[in-house]
C-alpha atoms as a PDB file:
ATOM      1  CA  MET A   1     -35.911 -25.384 -16.364  1.00  0.00           C
ATOM      2  CA  SER A   2     -37.933 -25.974 -12.984  1.00  0.00           C
ATOM      3  CA  LYS A   3     -40.233 -23.052 -12.034  1.00  0.00           C
ATOM      4  CA  GLY A   4     -37.700 -22.241  -8.948  1.00  0.00           C
ATOM      5  CA  SER A   5     -34.590 -22.436 -11.195  1.00  0.00           C
ATOM      6  CA  VAL A   6     -32.538 -19.199 -11.771  1.00  0.00           C
ATOM      7  CA  GLN A   7     -30.512 -20.729 -14.541  1.00  0.00           C
ATOM      8  CA  VAL A   8     -30.833 -18.483 -17.606  1.00  0.00           C
ATOM      9  CA  ARG A   9     -29.028 -19.050 -20.982  1.00  0.00           C
ATOM     10  CA  LEU A  10     -26.856 -16.102 -21.960  1.00  0.00           C
ATOM     11  CA  ASP A  11     -25.831 -15.974 -25.449  1.00  0.00           C
ATOM     12  CA  LEU A  12     -23.232 -13.545 -26.508  1.00  0.00           C
ATOM     13  CA  THR A  13     -24.892 -10.709 -28.243  1.00  0.00           C
ATOM     14  CA  VAL A  14     -22.044  -8.245 -28.788  1.00  0.00           C
ATOM     15  CA  ILE A  15     -18.339  -7.343 -28.045  1.00  0.00           C
ATOM     16  CA  ARG A  16     -17.701  -3.694 -27.918  1.00  0.00           C
ATOM     17  CA  ASP A  17     -14.652  -1.702 -26.469  1.00  0.00           C
ATOM     18  CA  SER A  18     -13.388  -4.912 -25.097  1.00  0.00           C
ATOM     19  CA  VAL A  19     -16.441  -5.636 -23.205  1.00  0.00           C
ATOM     20  CA  ALA A  20     -18.632  -8.898 -23.908  1.00  0.00           C
ATOM     21  CA  CYS A  21     -22.422  -8.595 -23.601  1.00  0.00           C
ATOM     22  CA  PHE A  22     -24.314 -11.875 -22.842  1.00  0.00           C
ATOM     23  CA  GLY A  23     -28.049 -11.741 -23.290  1.00  0.00           C
ATOM     24  CA  SER A  24     -30.311  -8.727 -23.414  1.00  0.00           C
ATOM     25  CA  GLY A  25     -32.948  -6.768 -21.455  1.00  0.00           C
ATOM     26  CA  GLU A  26     -32.982  -7.503 -17.720  1.00  0.00           C
ATOM     27  CA  TYR A  27     -30.933 -10.565 -18.190  1.00  0.00           C
ATOM     28  CA  ALA A  28     -27.976  -9.082 -19.840  1.00  0.00           C
ATOM     29  CA  GLU A  29     -24.643  -9.681 -18.237  1.00  0.00           C
ATOM     30  CA  PHE A  30     -21.461  -7.955 -19.084  1.00  0.00           C
ATOM     31  CA  CYS A  31     -17.851  -9.004 -18.882  1.00  0.00           C
ATOM     32  CA  ALA A  32     -14.468  -7.455 -19.455  1.00  0.00           C
ATOM     33  CA  VAL A  33     -11.007  -8.687 -19.486  1.00  0.00           C
ATOM     34  CA  MET A  34      -8.134  -6.992 -17.698  1.00  0.00           C
ATOM     35  CA  GLU A  35      -4.654  -8.126 -17.819  1.00  0.00           C
ATOM     36  CA  VAL A  36      -2.539  -7.264 -14.922  1.00  0.00           C
ATOM     37  CA  ALA A  37       1.245  -7.845 -14.837  1.00  0.00           C
ATOM     38  CA  GLY A  38       2.947  -8.390 -11.404  1.00  0.00           C
ATOM     39  CA  SER A  39       6.070  -6.780 -10.086  1.00  0.00           C
ATOM     40  CA  GLN A  40       9.321  -7.808 -11.321  1.00  0.00           C
ATOM     41  CA  GLU A  41      10.591  -7.846  -7.789  1.00  0.00           C
ATOM     42  CA  SER A  42       9.675 -10.812  -5.510  1.00  0.00           C
ATOM     43  CA  LEU A  43       8.117  -9.896  -2.406  1.00  0.00           C
ATOM     44  CA  ALA A  44      10.569 -12.198  -0.582  1.00  0.00           C
ATOM     45  CA  LYS A  45      13.452  -9.844  -1.832  1.00  0.00           C
ATOM     46  CA  ILE A  46      12.155  -6.590  -0.678  1.00  0.00           C
ATOM     47  CA  ASP A  47      12.252  -5.134   2.880  1.00  0.00           C
ATOM     48  CA  ASP A  48       9.355  -5.671   5.273  1.00  0.00           C
ATOM     49  CA  ALA A  49       8.115  -1.990   5.141  1.00  0.00           C
ATOM     50  CA  LYS A  50       7.736  -2.295   1.218  1.00  0.00           C
ATOM     51  CA  GLN A  51       6.065  -5.637   1.590  1.00  0.00           C
ATOM     52  CA  GLU A  52       3.499  -4.276   4.039  1.00  0.00           C
ATOM     53  CA  GLU A  53       2.908  -1.145   1.605  1.00  0.00           C
ATOM     54  CA  LEU A  54       2.272  -3.416  -1.238  1.00  0.00           C
ATOM     55  CA  LEU A  55       0.080  -5.847   0.642  1.00  0.00           C
ATOM     56  CA  ALA A  56      -1.733  -2.976   1.874  1.00  0.00           C
ATOM     57  CA  ALA A  57      -2.438  -1.478  -1.319  1.00  0.00           C
ATOM     58  CA  TYR A  58      -3.458  -4.902  -2.681  1.00  0.00           C
ATOM     59  CA  ALA A  59      -5.922  -5.282   0.104  1.00  0.00           C
ATOM     60  CA  GLN A  60      -7.383  -1.853  -0.222  1.00  0.00           C
ATOM     61  CA  PHE A  61      -8.021  -2.682  -4.111  1.00  0.00           C
ATOM     62  CA  LEU A  62      -9.727  -6.011  -3.306  1.00  0.00           C
ATOM     63  CA  ASN A  63     -11.964  -4.393  -0.589  1.00  0.00           C
ATOM     64  CA  SER A  64     -13.043  -1.702  -2.856  1.00  0.00           C
ATOM     65  CA  VAL A  65     -14.113  -4.053  -5.462  1.00  0.00           C
ATOM     66  CA  THR A  66     -18.022  -4.049  -5.721  1.00  0.00           C
ATOM     67  CA  PHE A  67     -18.519  -6.675  -8.508  1.00  0.00           C
ATOM     68  CA  SER A  68     -17.706 -10.308  -8.853  1.00  0.00           C
ATOM     69  CA  PHE A  69     -14.372 -11.073 -10.488  1.00  0.00           C
ATOM     70  CA  GLN A  70     -12.327 -14.219 -11.375  1.00  0.00           C
ATOM     71  CA  LEU A  71      -8.589 -14.446 -10.953  1.00  0.00           C
ATOM     72  CA  VAL A  72      -6.751 -16.643 -13.309  1.00  0.00           C
ATOM     73  CA  GLY A  73      -2.896 -17.184 -12.673  1.00  0.00           C
ATOM     74  CA  HIS A  74      -0.163 -18.215 -15.267  1.00  0.00           C
ATOM     75  CA  LEU A  75       2.876 -19.599 -13.632  1.00  0.00           C
ATOM     76  CA  THR A  76       6.223 -20.491 -15.639  1.00  0.00           C
ATOM     77  CA  ALA A  77       8.378 -22.806 -13.802  1.00  0.00           C
ATOM     78  CA  GLU A  78      10.671 -25.784 -14.483  1.00  0.00           C
ATOM     79  CA  LEU A  79       9.062 -28.878 -13.339  1.00  0.00           C
ATOM     80  CA  PRO A  80      11.224 -31.861 -11.972  1.00  0.00           C
ATOM     81  CA  LYS A  81      11.386 -34.733 -14.608  1.00  0.00           C
ATOM     82  CA  TRP A  82       9.500 -37.000 -12.294  1.00  0.00           C
ATOM     83  CA  SER A  83       6.451 -34.667 -12.485  1.00  0.00           C
ATOM     84  CA  ARG A  84       5.966 -35.226 -15.965  1.00  0.00           C
ATOM     85  CA  ILE A  85       5.289 -38.916 -15.719  1.00  0.00           C
ATOM     86  CA  ARG A  86       1.709 -40.068 -16.891  1.00  0.00           C
END
């Protein structure tokens, strides 16, 4: 690593209460996994007032987060036959 580099190798040191700890001391980083399930009702199928309420709640949640996070989505859908061509 060069003198100006900020890269640090963080080895997994412990997993406790569903929180992973990488590294130790001042370079320790912690990571937790949270699973969230979406509404069974599509936003397109509910009235405008309810859409606004749900989107406002989501925006409030995102604006309140004070740490970095990563969103990973999973989509289950039937793809057309032509989309599977290799």
